Amino acid sequence: MIVEVSRHNQSAHSPDHGCSVRSMFHPTCGPESQKGDTYMSRITNLSRRTKGIILGIAAVAAVGAVAIPGTGANFSASDTGQVNVHTATLSLNLSDPAGHSGTFEANFPELAPGGQQTQVFYVTNSGSIPANVTMGQPITPTALDAPNSNVNGNPSIDYNDLQFGIDGVMGLTSVGNLPATINLGSLGAGQTMTVTLRVGLDSSAGNEWQNAGVGASVTVTLNQA
């Protein structure tokens, strides 16, 4: 009598230790041994999952490529220019009808009580920018007391009898009340202004004013507008 003992005739409850070290997807082990097409189905599913993972990684890589700018060189072009700075000029020239240049003289001879006289001079802005023109106080009590004044030291002289004005700017004003600076207006570059000075002697002036003479320096200034 011949008795054959097969490995597959082991107890139904004993595990197949040969299969325990094999892949569960092997066709001769586990449930797949009875389901041949199930093994192929799992292989297919695994392949699909693997492709999905690969596609997901590729998508992340693509997003990263968009979010992070490239460090490669870009086209560029350049050119050069020049910066030059040149300051403006402000220059003043004074003149008068008598032909003086760089200065002026205004003479008021034979002034009598109640009388007025006028003289003109010219201010030219020979600079390159507009300016405001001002003139200092033309006649002051100090000037009347100067050594070259014939009224020097005469206690009977009332300085307020002598009046000064500028046509279009300031009416006749007594010497004692003249402002320290008189604004003559604005003057554009290259333009000339005519200034008309007016001097009067009050009608109440007495004999103390006979043959009186006054001389004083006047400063004209241009200030950048």
N, C-alpha and C. Protein backbone atom coordinates (compact mmCIF):
# COMPACT_ATOMS: atom_id res chain seq x y z
N MET A 1 0.87 -1.17 0.00
CA MET A 1 0.00 0.00 0.00
C MET A 1 0.91 1.22 0.00
N ILE A 2 0.56 2.16 -0.84
CA ILE A 2 1.35 3.40 -0.95
C ILE A 2 0.50 4.55 -0.46
N VAL A 3 1.06 5.28 0.50
CA VAL A 3 0.35 6.45 1.07
C VAL A 3 1.11 7.73 0.67
N GLU A 4 0.40 8.62 -0.01
CA GLU A 4 1.00 9.92 -0.41
C GLU A 4 0.49 11.01 0.51
N VAL A 5 1.44 11.76 1.00
CA VAL A 5 1.09 12.89 1.89
C VAL A 5 1.39 14.20 1.15
N SER A 6 0.38 14.94 0.94
CA SER A 6 0.53 16.23 0.22
C SER A 6 0.60 17.40 1.20
N ARG A 7 1.37 18.39 0.86
CA ARG A 7 1.46 19.59 1.72
C ARG A 7 0.13 20.27 1.83
N HIS A 8 -0.66 20.16 0.77
CA HIS A 8 -1.96 20.83 0.79
C HIS A 8 -2.97 20.05 1.58
N ASN A 9 -2.59 18.84 2.05
CA ASN A 9 -3.50 18.07 2.88
C ASN A 9 -3.25 18.34 4.34
N GLN A 10 -2.44 19.34 4.66
CA GLN A 10 -2.25 19.70 6.06
C GLN A 10 -3.55 20.23 6.61
N SER A 11 -3.57 20.32 7.87
CA SER A 11 -4.79 20.77 8.55
C SER A 11 -5.27 22.07 7.93
N ALA A 12 -6.56 22.16 7.71
CA ALA A 12 -7.17 23.34 7.07
C ALA A 12 -6.94 24.59 7.89
N HIS A 13 -6.66 24.36 9.18
CA HIS A 13 -6.48 25.52 10.07
C HIS A 13 -5.04 25.92 10.23
N SER A 14 -4.14 25.09 9.61
CA SER A 14 -2.71 25.42 9.74
C SER A 14 -2.33 26.39 8.64
N PRO A 15 -1.62 27.39 8.95
CA PRO A 15 -1.22 28.35 7.93
C PRO A 15 -0.15 27.79 7.04
N ASP A 16 -0.17 28.22 5.81
CA ASP A 16 0.82 27.80 4.86
C ASP A 16 2.04 28.70 5.05
N HIS A 17 3.05 28.11 5.77
CA HIS A 17 4.22 28.93 6.07
C HIS A 17 4.99 29.26 4.82
N GLY A 18 4.79 28.47 3.77
CA GLY A 18 5.44 28.81 2.51
C GLY A 18 4.90 30.09 1.92
N CYS A 19 3.60 30.29 2.11
CA CYS A 19 2.98 31.50 1.59
C CYS A 19 3.22 32.70 2.47
N SER A 20 3.58 32.44 3.76
CA SER A 20 3.74 33.58 4.67
C SER A 20 4.91 34.46 4.29
N VAL A 21 5.85 33.93 3.54
CA VAL A 21 7.00 34.72 3.12
C VAL A 21 6.86 35.16 1.68
N ARG A 22 5.74 34.87 1.11
CA ARG A 22 5.47 35.32 -0.25
C ARG A 22 4.57 36.55 -0.25
N SER A 23 4.58 37.16 -1.35
CA SER A 23 3.69 38.31 -1.50
C SER A 23 2.27 37.86 -1.49
N MET A 24 1.41 38.59 -0.84
CA MET A 24 0.00 38.26 -0.80
C MET A 24 -0.62 38.38 -2.16
N PHE A 25 0.09 38.97 -3.09
CA PHE A 25 -0.45 39.11 -4.43
C PHE A 25 -0.01 37.97 -5.34
N HIS A 26 0.77 37.01 -4.80
CA HIS A 26 1.22 35.88 -5.62
C HIS A 26 0.04 34.99 -5.94
N PRO A 27 -0.08 34.49 -7.15
CA PRO A 27 -1.26 33.72 -7.56
C PRO A 27 -1.41 32.39 -6.88
N THR A 28 -0.40 31.90 -6.20
CA THR A 28 -0.51 30.58 -5.57
C THR A 28 -0.76 30.68 -4.10
N CYS A 29 -0.90 31.87 -3.53
CA CYS A 29 -1.10 32.03 -2.10
C CYS A 29 -2.37 32.82 -1.84
N GLY A 30 -2.92 32.55 -0.67
CA GLY A 30 -4.05 33.31 -0.19
C GLY A 30 -5.25 33.17 -1.07
N PRO A 31 -6.19 34.06 -0.95
CA PRO A 31 -7.44 33.98 -1.71
C PRO A 31 -7.21 34.08 -3.19
N GLU A 32 -6.10 34.73 -3.62
CA GLU A 32 -5.86 34.88 -5.04
C GLU A 32 -5.69 33.53 -5.72
N SER A 33 -5.32 32.47 -4.91
CA SER A 33 -5.15 31.15 -5.52
C SER A 33 -6.46 30.62 -6.05
N GLN A 34 -7.61 31.13 -5.48
CA GLN A 34 -8.90 30.73 -6.01
C GLN A 34 -9.46 31.79 -6.94
N LYS A 35 -8.87 33.02 -6.95
CA LYS A 35 -9.40 34.10 -7.79
C LYS A 35 -8.29 34.62 -8.68
N GLY A 36 -8.11 34.03 -9.81
CA GLY A 36 -7.02 34.39 -10.71
C GLY A 36 -7.11 35.82 -11.21
N ASP A 37 -8.35 36.27 -11.55
CA ASP A 37 -8.47 37.62 -12.11
C ASP A 37 -8.36 38.69 -11.03
N THR A 38 -8.54 38.36 -9.75
CA THR A 38 -8.42 39.34 -8.66
C THR A 38 -6.99 39.80 -8.54
N TYR A 39 -6.07 38.95 -8.73
CA TYR A 39 -4.65 39.33 -8.68
C TYR A 39 -4.33 40.37 -9.72
N MET A 40 -4.78 40.13 -10.93
CA MET A 40 -4.51 41.08 -12.01
C MET A 40 -5.21 42.41 -11.76
N SER A 41 -6.40 42.33 -11.11
CA SER A 41 -7.14 43.56 -10.79
C SER A 41 -6.37 44.41 -9.80
N ARG A 42 -5.77 43.75 -8.79
CA ARG A 42 -4.99 44.51 -7.81
C ARG A 42 -3.74 45.10 -8.44
N ILE A 43 -3.12 44.37 -9.31
CA ILE A 43 -1.94 44.89 -10.01
C ILE A 43 -2.33 46.13 -10.81
N THR A 44 -3.49 46.06 -11.47
CA THR A 44 -3.95 47.20 -12.26
C THR A 44 -4.23 48.43 -11.38
N ASN A 45 -4.90 48.14 -10.22
CA ASN A 45 -5.21 49.24 -9.29
C ASN A 45 -3.92 49.87 -8.74
N LEU A 46 -2.95 48.99 -8.44
CA LEU A 46 -1.68 49.51 -7.93
C LEU A 46 -1.00 50.38 -8.98
N SER A 47 -1.06 49.96 -10.21
CA SER A 47 -0.46 50.75 -11.29
C SER A 47 -1.13 52.10 -11.42
N ARG A 48 -2.49 52.09 -11.30
CA ARG A 48 -3.22 53.36 -11.39
C ARG A 48 -2.86 54.29 -10.23
N ARG A 49 -2.76 53.71 -9.02
CA ARG A 49 -2.40 54.54 -7.87
C ARG A 49 -1.00 55.12 -8.03
N THR A 50 -0.11 54.29 -8.52
CA THR A 50 1.27 54.77 -8.72
C THR A 50 1.30 55.92 -9.71
N LYS A 51 0.52 55.79 -10.79
CA LYS A 51 0.46 56.85 -11.78
C LYS A 51 -0.13 58.12 -11.16
N GLY A 52 -1.16 57.94 -10.29
CA GLY A 52 -1.77 59.09 -9.64
C GLY A 52 -0.78 59.83 -8.76
N ILE A 53 0.04 59.06 -8.03
CA ILE A 53 1.04 59.67 -7.15
C ILE A 53 2.06 60.43 -7.98
N ILE A 54 2.49 59.82 -9.07
CA ILE A 54 3.48 60.47 -9.94
C ILE A 54 2.92 61.75 -10.53
N LEU A 55 1.63 61.69 -10.98
CA LEU A 55 1.01 62.89 -11.54
C LEU A 55 0.87 63.99 -10.49
N GLY A 56 0.54 63.58 -9.25
CA GLY A 56 0.41 64.54 -8.16
C GLY A 56 1.74 65.23 -7.88
N ILE A 57 2.83 64.45 -7.86
CA ILE A 57 4.16 65.04 -7.64
C ILE A 57 4.51 65.99 -8.77
N ALA A 58 4.17 65.61 -9.99
CA ALA A 58 4.45 66.46 -11.14
C ALA A 58 3.68 67.77 -11.05
N ALA A 59 2.41 67.68 -10.57
CA ALA A 59 1.60 68.90 -10.43
C ALA A 59 2.20 69.84 -9.40
N VAL A 60 2.65 69.31 -8.26
CA VAL A 60 3.27 70.13 -7.23
C VAL A 60 4.53 70.78 -7.76
N ALA A 61 5.31 70.00 -8.50
CA ALA A 61 6.53 70.55 -9.10
C ALA A 61 6.21 71.69 -10.05
N ALA A 62 5.11 71.53 -10.81
CA ALA A 62 4.72 72.57 -11.76
C ALA A 62 4.31 73.84 -11.02
N VAL A 63 3.54 73.70 -9.93
CA VAL A 63 3.14 74.85 -9.14
C VAL A 63 4.35 75.55 -8.57
N GLY A 64 5.30 74.77 -8.07
CA GLY A 64 6.53 75.34 -7.53
C GLY A 64 7.28 76.10 -8.58
N ALA A 65 7.28 75.60 -9.78
CA ALA A 65 7.99 76.28 -10.87
C ALA A 65 7.35 77.61 -11.20
N VAL A 66 6.01 77.72 -11.06
CA VAL A 66 5.32 78.97 -11.33
C VAL A 66 5.53 79.95 -10.19
N ALA A 67 5.50 79.48 -8.94
CA ALA A 67 5.57 80.35 -7.78
C ALA A 67 6.96 80.93 -7.57
N ILE A 68 8.00 80.22 -7.96
CA ILE A 68 9.36 80.66 -7.71
C ILE A 68 9.94 81.19 -9.02
N PRO A 69 10.25 82.48 -9.11
CA PRO A 69 10.79 83.03 -10.35
C PRO A 69 12.12 82.39 -10.70
N GLY A 70 12.37 82.34 -11.97
CA GLY A 70 13.62 81.78 -12.41
C GLY A 70 14.78 82.72 -12.11
N THR A 71 15.95 82.21 -11.97
CA THR A 71 17.13 83.01 -11.65
C THR A 71 18.01 83.23 -12.87
N GLY A 72 17.51 82.87 -14.03
CA GLY A 72 18.31 83.06 -15.23
C GLY A 72 18.38 84.52 -15.65
N ALA A 73 19.28 84.86 -16.55
CA ALA A 73 19.45 86.23 -17.01
C ALA A 73 18.29 86.68 -17.89
N ASN A 74 17.99 88.01 -17.86
CA ASN A 74 16.96 88.60 -18.71
C ASN A 74 17.60 89.59 -19.67
N PHE A 75 16.91 89.86 -20.76
CA PHE A 75 17.39 90.87 -21.69
C PHE A 75 17.33 92.24 -21.02
N SER A 76 18.26 93.11 -21.32
CA SER A 76 18.24 94.47 -20.79
C SER A 76 18.93 95.40 -21.77
N ALA A 77 18.63 96.70 -21.60
CA ALA A 77 19.27 97.71 -22.44
C ALA A 77 19.48 98.96 -21.61
N SER A 78 20.49 99.72 -21.89
CA SER A 78 20.75 100.94 -21.13
C SER A 78 21.35 102.00 -22.03
N ASP A 79 21.25 103.25 -21.54
CA ASP A 79 21.84 104.37 -22.25
C ASP A 79 22.23 105.41 -21.21
N THR A 80 22.97 106.40 -21.56
CA THR A 80 23.45 107.39 -20.60
C THR A 80 23.01 108.78 -21.00
N GLY A 81 22.83 109.63 -20.00
CA GLY A 81 22.51 111.03 -20.21
C GLY A 81 23.48 111.89 -19.42
N GLN A 82 23.27 113.19 -19.44
CA GLN A 82 24.15 114.11 -18.75
C GLN A 82 23.33 115.10 -17.95
N VAL A 83 23.79 115.40 -16.74
CA VAL A 83 23.12 116.35 -15.86
C VAL A 83 24.00 117.59 -15.74
N ASN A 84 23.45 118.74 -16.11
CA ASN A 84 24.18 120.01 -16.02
C ASN A 84 23.40 120.98 -15.14
N VAL A 85 24.07 121.63 -14.24
CA VAL A 85 23.46 122.61 -13.35
C VAL A 85 24.13 123.96 -13.57
N HIS A 86 23.30 124.97 -13.82
CA HIS A 86 23.84 126.32 -13.98
C HIS A 86 22.93 127.29 -13.23
N THR A 87 23.50 128.04 -12.33
CA THR A 87 22.69 128.92 -11.49
C THR A 87 22.25 130.17 -12.26
N ALA A 88 21.15 130.74 -11.78
CA ALA A 88 20.62 131.95 -12.40
C ALA A 88 21.43 133.18 -11.96
N THR A 89 21.18 134.27 -12.61
CA THR A 89 21.85 135.53 -12.24
C THR A 89 20.80 136.58 -11.89
N LEU A 90 21.17 137.45 -10.98
CA LEU A 90 20.32 138.57 -10.61
C LEU A 90 21.21 139.81 -10.61
N SER A 91 20.97 140.70 -11.57
CA SER A 91 21.84 141.85 -11.75
C SER A 91 20.99 143.11 -11.92
N LEU A 92 21.46 144.19 -11.34
CA LEU A 92 20.71 145.45 -11.33
C LEU A 92 21.52 146.54 -12.02
N ASN A 93 20.84 147.33 -12.80
CA ASN A 93 21.49 148.49 -13.40
C ASN A 93 20.58 149.71 -13.21
N LEU A 94 21.13 150.75 -12.63
CA LEU A 94 20.41 152.01 -12.42
C LEU A 94 20.87 153.02 -13.47
N SER A 95 19.95 153.86 -13.88
CA SER A 95 20.29 154.91 -14.85
C SER A 95 19.28 156.05 -14.72
N ASP A 96 19.54 157.12 -15.42
CA ASP A 96 18.63 158.26 -15.39
C ASP A 96 18.68 158.99 -16.73
N PRO A 97 17.75 159.93 -16.95
CA PRO A 97 17.72 160.65 -18.23
C PRO A 97 18.99 161.46 -18.50
N ALA A 98 19.74 161.74 -17.44
CA ALA A 98 20.97 162.52 -17.62
C ALA A 98 22.10 161.67 -18.19
N GLY A 99 21.88 160.37 -18.36
CA GLY A 99 22.90 159.51 -18.94
C GLY A 99 23.74 158.75 -17.95
N HIS A 100 23.44 158.84 -16.68
CA HIS A 100 24.19 158.06 -15.69
C HIS A 100 23.88 156.57 -15.86
N SER A 101 24.87 155.73 -15.65
CA SER A 101 24.69 154.27 -15.72
C SER A 101 25.30 153.64 -14.48
N GLY A 102 24.54 152.77 -13.85
CA GLY A 102 25.00 152.16 -12.60
C GLY A 102 24.65 153.01 -11.39
N THR A 103 24.07 154.15 -11.62
CA THR A 103 23.63 155.02 -10.54
C THR A 103 22.62 156.01 -11.11
N PHE A 104 22.14 156.92 -10.27
CA PHE A 104 21.26 157.98 -10.77
C PHE A 104 21.40 159.19 -9.85
N GLU A 105 21.01 160.33 -10.37
CA GLU A 105 20.95 161.56 -9.57
C GLU A 105 19.57 162.18 -9.74
N ALA A 106 18.97 162.52 -8.66
CA ALA A 106 17.68 163.21 -8.69
C ALA A 106 17.85 164.56 -8.01
N ASN A 107 17.77 165.59 -8.79
CA ASN A 107 17.98 166.94 -8.26
C ASN A 107 16.66 167.71 -8.24
N PHE A 108 16.41 168.38 -7.12
CA PHE A 108 15.18 169.16 -6.95
C PHE A 108 15.58 170.60 -6.55
N PRO A 109 15.90 171.40 -7.53
CA PRO A 109 16.36 172.78 -7.20
C PRO A 109 15.18 173.75 -7.04
N GLU A 110 15.47 174.83 -6.36
CA GLU A 110 14.52 175.95 -6.25
C GLU A 110 13.15 175.53 -5.74
N LEU A 111 13.13 174.64 -4.78
CA LEU A 111 11.86 174.18 -4.21
C LEU A 111 11.31 175.26 -3.28
N ALA A 112 10.07 175.66 -3.51
CA ALA A 112 9.45 176.73 -2.71
C ALA A 112 8.31 176.15 -1.86
N PRO A 113 7.92 176.84 -0.79
CA PRO A 113 6.80 176.36 0.03
C PRO A 113 5.55 176.15 -0.81
N GLY A 114 4.91 175.00 -0.60
CA GLY A 114 3.71 174.66 -1.34
C GLY A 114 4.00 174.08 -2.72
N GLY A 115 5.26 174.01 -3.11
CA GLY A 115 5.61 173.51 -4.43
C GLY A 115 6.01 172.04 -4.44
N GLN A 116 5.97 171.44 -5.63
CA GLN A 116 6.37 170.03 -5.82
C GLN A 116 7.24 169.93 -7.07
N GLN A 117 8.13 168.96 -7.07
CA GLN A 117 8.97 168.68 -8.23
C GLN A 117 9.11 167.17 -8.40
N THR A 118 9.36 166.74 -9.63
CA THR A 118 9.53 165.30 -9.90
C THR A 118 10.83 165.07 -10.67
N GLN A 119 11.39 163.91 -10.44
CA GLN A 119 12.55 163.42 -11.18
C GLN A 119 12.36 161.91 -11.38
N VAL A 120 12.90 161.39 -12.47
CA VAL A 120 12.76 159.95 -12.74
C VAL A 120 14.13 159.29 -12.77
N PHE A 121 14.14 157.99 -12.49
CA PHE A 121 15.31 157.17 -12.74
C PHE A 121 14.83 155.79 -13.18
N TYR A 122 15.72 154.98 -13.71
CA TYR A 122 15.35 153.69 -14.30
C TYR A 122 16.04 152.54 -13.56
N VAL A 123 15.28 151.49 -13.38
CA VAL A 123 15.82 150.26 -12.78
C VAL A 123 15.69 149.16 -13.82
N THR A 124 16.81 148.53 -14.18
CA THR A 124 16.81 147.45 -15.16
C THR A 124 17.25 146.15 -14.50
N ASN A 125 16.45 145.13 -14.69
CA ASN A 125 16.83 143.79 -14.22
C ASN A 125 17.60 143.11 -15.35
N SER A 126 18.91 143.16 -15.28
CA SER A 126 19.75 142.56 -16.32
C SER A 126 20.11 141.12 -16.02
N GLY A 127 19.44 140.54 -15.05
CA GLY A 127 19.66 139.13 -14.72
C GLY A 127 18.78 138.21 -15.54
N SER A 128 18.68 136.96 -15.08
CA SER A 128 17.93 135.94 -15.84
C SER A 128 16.67 135.47 -15.14
N ILE A 129 16.35 136.04 -13.97
CA ILE A 129 15.16 135.62 -13.23
C ILE A 129 14.39 136.86 -12.76
N PRO A 130 13.09 136.73 -12.51
CA PRO A 130 12.29 137.86 -12.02
C PRO A 130 12.74 138.29 -10.63
N ALA A 131 12.43 139.53 -10.29
CA ALA A 131 12.86 140.05 -8.99
C ALA A 131 11.86 141.07 -8.48
N ASN A 132 11.89 141.26 -7.17
CA ASN A 132 11.15 142.33 -6.51
C ASN A 132 12.11 143.49 -6.26
N VAL A 133 11.61 144.70 -6.51
CA VAL A 133 12.46 145.89 -6.40
C VAL A 133 12.08 146.66 -5.13
N THR A 134 13.07 146.98 -4.33
CA THR A 134 12.84 147.79 -3.14
C THR A 134 13.83 148.95 -3.12
N MET A 135 13.44 150.00 -2.41
CA MET A 135 14.30 151.17 -2.27
C MET A 135 14.34 151.56 -0.81
N GLY A 136 15.52 151.88 -0.34
CA GLY A 136 15.66 152.32 1.04
C GLY A 136 15.10 153.71 1.24
N GLN A 137 14.97 154.10 2.48
CA GLN A 137 14.43 155.42 2.80
C GLN A 137 15.31 156.50 2.16
N PRO A 138 14.73 157.31 1.29
CA PRO A 138 15.57 158.23 0.51
C PRO A 138 16.10 159.42 1.31
N ILE A 139 15.28 160.00 2.14
CA ILE A 139 15.68 161.18 2.92
C ILE A 139 15.24 160.97 4.36
N THR A 140 16.16 161.14 5.27
CA THR A 140 15.86 160.94 6.69
C THR A 140 16.27 162.18 7.47
N PRO A 141 15.75 162.32 8.68
CA PRO A 141 16.22 163.42 9.52
C PRO A 141 17.72 163.36 9.74
N THR A 142 18.27 162.14 9.77
CA THR A 142 19.72 162.02 9.93
C THR A 142 20.44 162.63 8.74
N ALA A 143 19.89 162.38 7.52
CA ALA A 143 20.50 162.97 6.32
C ALA A 143 20.40 164.48 6.35
N LEU A 144 19.31 165.00 6.88
CA LEU A 144 19.15 166.45 6.96
C LEU A 144 20.13 167.06 7.95
N ASP A 145 20.53 166.24 8.93
CA ASP A 145 21.49 166.73 9.92
C ASP A 145 22.94 166.47 9.50
N ALA A 146 23.12 165.88 8.30
CA ALA A 146 24.47 165.56 7.85
C ALA A 146 25.27 166.85 7.61
N PRO A 147 26.59 166.74 7.68
CA PRO A 147 27.44 167.94 7.51
C PRO A 147 27.23 168.63 6.17
N ASN A 148 26.84 167.88 5.12
CA ASN A 148 26.67 168.51 3.81
C ASN A 148 25.28 169.12 3.64
N SER A 149 24.50 169.16 4.70
CA SER A 149 23.18 169.76 4.63
C SER A 149 23.22 171.18 5.17
N ASN A 150 22.59 172.09 4.41
CA ASN A 150 22.57 173.48 4.85
C ASN A 150 21.67 173.71 6.06
N VAL A 151 20.81 172.71 6.38
CA VAL A 151 19.91 172.86 7.52
C VAL A 151 20.52 172.25 8.77
N ASN A 152 21.77 171.80 8.66
CA ASN A 152 22.44 171.13 9.77
C ASN A 152 22.45 172.02 11.01
N GLY A 153 21.87 171.49 12.08
CA GLY A 153 21.93 172.18 13.36
C GLY A 153 20.97 173.33 13.50
N ASN A 154 20.10 173.54 12.53
CA ASN A 154 19.15 174.65 12.63
C ASN A 154 17.95 174.18 13.46
N PRO A 155 17.81 174.64 14.69
CA PRO A 155 16.73 174.15 15.57
C PRO A 155 15.34 174.58 15.13
N SER A 156 15.25 175.56 14.26
CA SER A 156 13.93 176.03 13.85
C SER A 156 13.38 175.25 12.65
N ILE A 157 14.18 174.34 12.09
CA ILE A 157 13.72 173.55 10.95
C ILE A 157 12.76 172.45 11.42
N ASP A 158 11.61 172.40 10.81
CA ASP A 158 10.67 171.28 11.06
C ASP A 158 10.81 170.30 9.89
N TYR A 159 11.43 169.17 10.16
CA TYR A 159 11.72 168.22 9.09
C TYR A 159 10.44 167.73 8.39
N ASN A 160 9.34 167.73 9.08
CA ASN A 160 8.10 167.24 8.50
C ASN A 160 7.55 168.17 7.42
N ASP A 161 8.15 169.37 7.29
CA ASP A 161 7.73 170.25 6.20
C ASP A 161 8.18 169.70 4.84
N LEU A 162 9.24 168.91 4.87
CA LEU A 162 9.76 168.32 3.64
C LEU A 162 9.07 166.97 3.41
N GLN A 163 8.53 166.79 2.22
CA GLN A 163 7.73 165.60 1.92
C GLN A 163 8.30 164.86 0.70
N PHE A 164 8.09 163.55 0.72
CA PHE A 164 8.65 162.71 -0.34
C PHE A 164 7.61 161.67 -0.74
N GLY A 165 7.55 161.37 -2.04
CA GLY A 165 6.63 160.35 -2.53
C GLY A 165 7.16 159.70 -3.80
N ILE A 166 6.51 158.61 -4.22
CA ILE A 166 6.84 157.90 -5.46
C ILE A 166 5.53 157.68 -6.21
N ASP A 167 5.43 158.23 -7.39
CA ASP A 167 4.18 158.13 -8.14
C ASP A 167 3.79 156.67 -8.38
N GLY A 168 2.51 156.38 -8.10
CA GLY A 168 2.00 155.03 -8.27
C GLY A 168 2.35 154.08 -7.15
N VAL A 169 3.16 154.52 -6.21
CA VAL A 169 3.60 153.65 -5.09
C VAL A 169 3.22 154.27 -3.75
N MET A 170 3.56 155.50 -3.55
CA MET A 170 3.34 156.15 -2.26
C MET A 170 3.14 157.64 -2.47
N GLY A 171 2.11 158.19 -1.85
CA GLY A 171 1.86 159.63 -1.94
C GLY A 171 2.85 160.41 -1.12
N LEU A 172 2.78 161.72 -1.24
CA LEU A 172 3.69 162.58 -0.48
C LEU A 172 3.57 162.30 1.02
N THR A 173 4.70 162.04 1.63
CA THR A 173 4.76 161.68 3.05
C THR A 173 5.88 162.47 3.69
N SER A 174 5.62 163.00 4.88
CA SER A 174 6.65 163.78 5.57
C SER A 174 7.87 162.92 5.84
N VAL A 175 9.04 163.55 5.81
CA VAL A 175 10.30 162.81 5.96
C VAL A 175 10.33 162.01 7.26
N GLY A 176 9.77 162.55 8.30
CA GLY A 176 9.81 161.85 9.59
C GLY A 176 8.95 160.59 9.63
N ASN A 177 8.05 160.43 8.65
CA ASN A 177 7.14 159.26 8.64
C ASN A 177 7.41 158.28 7.49
N LEU A 178 8.51 158.46 6.79
CA LEU A 178 8.82 157.56 5.67
C LEU A 178 9.20 156.16 6.18
N PRO A 179 8.74 155.09 5.50
CA PRO A 179 9.14 153.74 5.89
C PRO A 179 10.62 153.50 5.58
N ALA A 180 11.22 152.58 6.30
CA ALA A 180 12.64 152.29 6.08
C ALA A 180 12.88 151.66 4.71
N THR A 181 11.90 150.89 4.22
CA THR A 181 12.02 150.24 2.90
C THR A 181 10.74 150.46 2.13
N ILE A 182 10.88 150.81 0.87
CA ILE A 182 9.71 151.06 0.01
C ILE A 182 9.71 150.02 -1.10
N ASN A 183 8.60 149.31 -1.23
CA ASN A 183 8.48 148.27 -2.27
C ASN A 183 8.03 148.92 -3.57
N LEU A 184 8.87 148.78 -4.60
CA LEU A 184 8.57 149.41 -5.89
C LEU A 184 7.84 148.47 -6.85
N GLY A 185 7.71 147.20 -6.52
CA GLY A 185 7.01 146.26 -7.39
C GLY A 185 7.95 145.19 -7.94
N SER A 186 7.43 144.39 -8.87
CA SER A 186 8.20 143.28 -9.44
C SER A 186 8.73 143.67 -10.82
N LEU A 187 9.80 142.97 -11.21
CA LEU A 187 10.46 143.29 -12.48
C LEU A 187 10.99 141.99 -13.09
N GLY A 188 10.51 141.67 -14.30
CA GLY A 188 10.94 140.46 -14.97
C GLY A 188 12.37 140.58 -15.50
N ALA A 189 12.93 139.43 -15.82
CA ALA A 189 14.30 139.41 -16.37
C ALA A 189 14.35 140.22 -17.66
N GLY A 190 15.33 141.11 -17.76
CA GLY A 190 15.49 141.92 -18.95
C GLY A 190 14.57 143.12 -19.03
N GLN A 191 13.73 143.34 -18.04
CA GLN A 191 12.78 144.45 -18.07
C GLN A 191 13.33 145.68 -17.34
N THR A 192 12.76 146.84 -17.68
CA THR A 192 13.17 148.10 -17.07
C THR A 192 11.96 148.79 -16.45
N MET A 193 12.15 149.33 -15.29
CA MET A 193 11.10 150.04 -14.55
C MET A 193 11.46 151.51 -14.45
N THR A 194 10.47 152.37 -14.67
CA THR A 194 10.67 153.81 -14.49
C THR A 194 10.10 154.22 -13.13
N VAL A 195 10.94 154.83 -12.32
CA VAL A 195 10.54 155.26 -10.98
C VAL A 195 10.49 156.78 -10.97
N THR A 196 9.34 157.32 -10.59
CA THR A 196 9.15 158.78 -10.55
C THR A 196 9.13 159.24 -9.10
N LEU A 197 10.15 159.99 -8.72
CA LEU A 197 10.25 160.54 -7.37
C LEU A 197 9.56 161.90 -7.33
N ARG A 198 8.89 162.19 -6.26
CA ARG A 198 8.20 163.47 -6.09
C ARG A 198 8.58 164.07 -4.73
N VAL A 199 8.96 165.31 -4.75
CA VAL A 199 9.35 166.00 -3.52
C VAL A 199 8.52 167.29 -3.40
N GLY A 200 8.06 167.54 -2.20
CA GLY A 200 7.27 168.76 -1.95
C GLY A 200 7.69 169.43 -0.66
N LEU A 201 7.41 170.71 -0.59
CA LEU A 201 7.66 171.47 0.63
C LEU A 201 6.33 172.04 1.09
N ASP A 202 6.02 171.76 2.34
CA ASP A 202 4.72 172.17 2.87
C ASP A 202 4.57 173.70 2.80
N SER A 203 3.34 174.10 2.57
CA SER A 203 3.06 175.54 2.41
C SER A 203 3.32 176.33 3.69
N SER A 204 3.40 175.64 4.83
CA SER A 204 3.64 176.34 6.10
C SER A 204 5.12 176.56 6.37
N ALA A 205 5.98 176.05 5.46
CA ALA A 205 7.43 176.21 5.67
C ALA A 205 7.79 177.70 5.68
N GLY A 206 8.64 178.10 6.63
CA GLY A 206 9.03 179.51 6.78
C GLY A 206 10.40 179.80 6.18
N ASN A 207 10.87 180.96 6.53
CA ASN A 207 12.14 181.42 5.99
C ASN A 207 13.33 180.53 6.37
N GLU A 208 13.15 179.75 7.42
CA GLU A 208 14.25 178.86 7.82
C GLU A 208 14.62 177.89 6.72
N TRP A 209 13.69 177.69 5.78
CA TRP A 209 13.95 176.75 4.69
C TRP A 209 14.60 177.43 3.48
N GLN A 210 14.77 178.71 3.51
CA GLN A 210 15.39 179.36 2.35
C GLN A 210 16.84 178.89 2.17
N ASN A 211 17.14 178.61 0.91
CA ASN A 211 18.49 178.19 0.51
C ASN A 211 18.95 176.92 1.25
N ALA A 212 18.00 176.08 1.62
CA ALA A 212 18.34 174.82 2.29
C ALA A 212 18.69 173.78 1.24
N GLY A 213 19.60 172.92 1.58
CA GLY A 213 19.98 171.86 0.65
C GLY A 213 20.16 170.55 1.39
N VAL A 214 19.77 169.46 0.73
CA VAL A 214 19.86 168.13 1.33
C VAL A 214 20.46 167.17 0.31
N GLY A 215 21.40 166.36 0.72
CA GLY A 215 21.96 165.32 -0.14
C GLY A 215 22.00 164.01 0.61
N ALA A 216 21.55 162.92 -0.02
CA ALA A 216 21.54 161.62 0.65
C ALA A 216 21.69 160.51 -0.38
N SER A 217 22.25 159.40 0.05
CA SER A 217 22.40 158.22 -0.82
C SER A 217 21.16 157.35 -0.67
N VAL A 218 20.73 156.78 -1.79
CA VAL A 218 19.55 155.92 -1.82
C VAL A 218 19.97 154.55 -2.36
N THR A 219 19.56 153.49 -1.71
CA THR A 219 19.91 152.13 -2.14
C THR A 219 18.71 151.46 -2.76
N VAL A 220 18.88 150.96 -3.98
CA VAL A 220 17.84 150.18 -4.68
C VAL A 220 18.31 148.73 -4.73
N THR A 221 17.39 147.81 -4.42
CA THR A 221 17.77 146.38 -4.31
C THR A 221 16.83 145.52 -5.12
N LEU A 222 17.39 144.50 -5.75
CA LEU A 222 16.59 143.45 -6.39
C LEU A 222 16.67 142.20 -5.53
N ASN A 223 15.51 141.65 -5.24
CA ASN A 223 15.43 140.39 -4.49
C ASN A 223 14.70 139.36 -5.35
N GLN A 224 15.21 138.18 -5.38
CA GLN A 224 14.60 137.10 -6.18
C GLN A 224 13.12 136.98 -5.87
N ALA A 225 12.31 136.98 -6.90
CA ALA A 225 10.85 136.91 -6.73
C ALA A 225 10.43 135.52 -6.30
